[in-house]
Protein backbone atom coordinates (compact mmCIF):
# COMPACT_ATOMS: atom_id res chain seq x y z
CA UNK A 1 15.38 -42.81 33.61
CA UNK A 2 11.80 -42.84 32.40
CA UNK A 3 9.29 -45.01 34.38
CA UNK A 4 6.94 -47.22 32.59
CA UNK A 5 4.01 -49.27 34.06
CA UNK A 6 3.58 -52.66 32.53
CA UNK A 7 0.17 -54.27 32.99
CA UNK A 8 -0.49 -57.91 32.35
CA UNK A 9 -2.26 -60.64 34.26
CA UNK A 10 0.10 -63.33 32.59
CA UNK A 11 2.83 -63.10 35.16
CA UNK A 12 5.33 -64.94 32.94
CA UNK A 13 4.84 -62.48 30.08
CA UNK A 14 4.90 -59.48 32.42
CA UNK A 15 8.11 -60.64 34.01
CA UNK A 16 9.82 -61.23 30.39
CA UNK A 17 8.54 -57.80 29.20
CA UNK A 18 9.61 -55.88 32.17
CA UNK A 19 12.98 -57.50 32.08
CA UNK A 20 13.64 -56.60 28.47
CA UNK A 21 12.22 -52.98 29.08
CA UNK A 22 14.34 -52.55 32.31
CA UNK A 23 17.57 -52.11 30.24
CA UNK A 24 16.00 -48.68 29.11
CA UNK A 25 13.25 -47.79 31.61
CA UNK A 26 12.49 -48.06 35.21
CA UNK A 27 9.85 -50.69 34.99
CA UNK A 28 6.84 -51.02 37.49
CA UNK A 29 4.75 -54.17 37.14
CA UNK A 30 0.94 -54.58 37.65
CA UNK A 31 -0.88 -57.86 37.30
CA UNK A 32 -4.30 -56.31 36.44
CA UNK A 33 -6.44 -53.16 36.10
CA UNK A 34 -7.17 -52.86 39.81
CA UNK A 35 -3.48 -53.18 40.60
CA UNK A 36 -2.54 -50.62 37.92
CA UNK A 37 -5.01 -48.12 39.35
CA UNK A 38 -3.80 -48.53 42.79
CA UNK A 39 -0.05 -47.99 41.63
CA UNK A 40 -1.01 -44.82 39.68
CA UNK A 41 -2.73 -43.50 42.87
CA UNK A 42 0.80 -43.78 44.52
CA UNK A 43 3.33 -42.87 41.83
CA UNK A 44 3.65 -40.96 38.53
CA UNK A 45 4.74 -42.75 35.59
CA UNK A 46 5.92 -41.60 31.98
CA UNK A 47 4.06 -44.39 29.98
CA UNK A 48 1.74 -47.32 30.43
CA UNK A 49 2.14 -50.51 28.38
CA UNK A 50 -0.98 -52.80 29.17
CA UNK A 51 -2.38 -55.91 27.87
CA UNK A 52 -5.90 -55.97 26.57
CA UNK A 53 -7.69 -59.06 28.09
CA UNK A 54 -7.00 -59.55 31.80
CA UNK A 55 -8.95 -61.42 34.53
CA UNK A 56 -10.33 -58.18 36.28
CA UNK A 57 -11.01 -56.09 33.20
CA UNK A 58 -9.54 -54.81 30.08
CA UNK A 59 -6.56 -52.63 28.99
CA UNK A 60 -9.22 -50.38 27.30
CA UNK A 61 -11.13 -49.97 30.40
CA UNK A 62 -7.86 -49.02 32.06
CA UNK A 63 -7.06 -46.54 29.39
CA UNK A 64 -10.55 -45.01 29.58
CA UNK A 65 -10.37 -44.67 33.38
CA UNK A 66 -7.00 -43.04 33.48
CA UNK A 67 -7.93 -40.54 30.76
CA UNK A 68 -11.20 -39.56 32.85
CA UNK A 69 -8.83 -39.02 35.81
CA UNK A 70 -6.67 -36.66 33.71
CA UNK A 71 -3.56 -39.04 33.43
CA UNK A 72 -2.40 -38.17 29.80
CA UNK A 73 0.75 -40.26 29.47
CA UNK A 74 1.54 -42.33 26.45
CA UNK A 75 -0.52 -45.59 26.47
CA UNK A 76 0.25 -48.74 24.56
CA UNK A 77 -2.46 -51.38 24.34
CA UNK A 78 -1.31 -54.85 23.51
CA UNK A 79 -3.38 -57.90 22.52
CA UNK A 80 -2.53 -61.30 21.37
CA UNK A 81 -5.01 -60.59 18.45
CA UNK A 82 -4.35 -58.16 15.71
CA UNK A 83 -7.76 -56.38 16.00
CA UNK A 84 -8.52 -53.44 13.72
CA UNK A 85 -11.50 -52.54 15.99
CA UNK A 86 -9.65 -52.47 19.07
CA UNK A 87 -6.94 -50.34 17.36
CA UNK A 88 -9.54 -47.72 16.46
CA UNK A 89 -10.99 -47.70 20.12
CA UNK A 90 -7.51 -47.34 21.60
CA UNK A 91 -6.87 -44.35 19.24
CA UNK A 92 -10.20 -42.71 20.38
CA UNK A 93 -8.94 -42.81 23.80
CA UNK A 94 -5.59 -41.53 22.94
CA UNK A 95 -3.68 -44.72 23.03
CA UNK A 96 -1.72 -46.74 20.59
CA UNK A 97 -2.48 -50.43 19.74
CA UNK A 98 0.20 -53.16 18.92
CA UNK A 99 -0.16 -56.78 18.63
CA UNK A 100 1.91 -58.72 21.29
CA UNK A 101 3.06 -60.92 18.33
CA UNK A 102 4.54 -57.90 16.36
CA UNK A 103 8.24 -58.72 15.72
CA UNK A 104 9.13 -55.26 16.68
CA UNK A 105 6.95 -54.66 19.81
CA UNK A 106 9.95 -53.63 22.00
CA UNK A 107 10.89 -50.98 19.47
CA UNK A 108 7.44 -49.78 19.18
CA UNK A 109 7.36 -49.36 22.96
CA UNK A 110 10.54 -47.41 22.99
CA UNK A 111 9.35 -45.28 20.12
CA UNK A 112 6.20 -44.25 21.73
CA UNK A 113 7.71 -43.40 25.02
CA UNK A 114 10.74 -41.55 23.69
CA UNK A 115 8.61 -39.58 21.15
CA UNK A 116 5.74 -38.49 23.33
CA UNK A 117 7.37 -37.73 26.65
């Protein structure tokens, strides 16, 4: 089973998303950028699904940091806002952007992971 790291400082949203994804993936939860980076030092994942705006940084900073470290797994950056500029920045770093309010968010996560790994 493929392993996905889900990163969000909203613990309720993190739990719900992780529960839904756990039917198809081994889900690992992180509550922020630092927590995610600590986890990535200890284990390997097949994909990362991260919120954009968190208390200890942004998902875009996480994406840039892991790319600099040579971690090239599929990365989905999520935000409550449908932001074109943020989408472009994510693409520049090799990530994919999706609004949290997208009615097919789960489908997009599955498609990303299954097509790129």
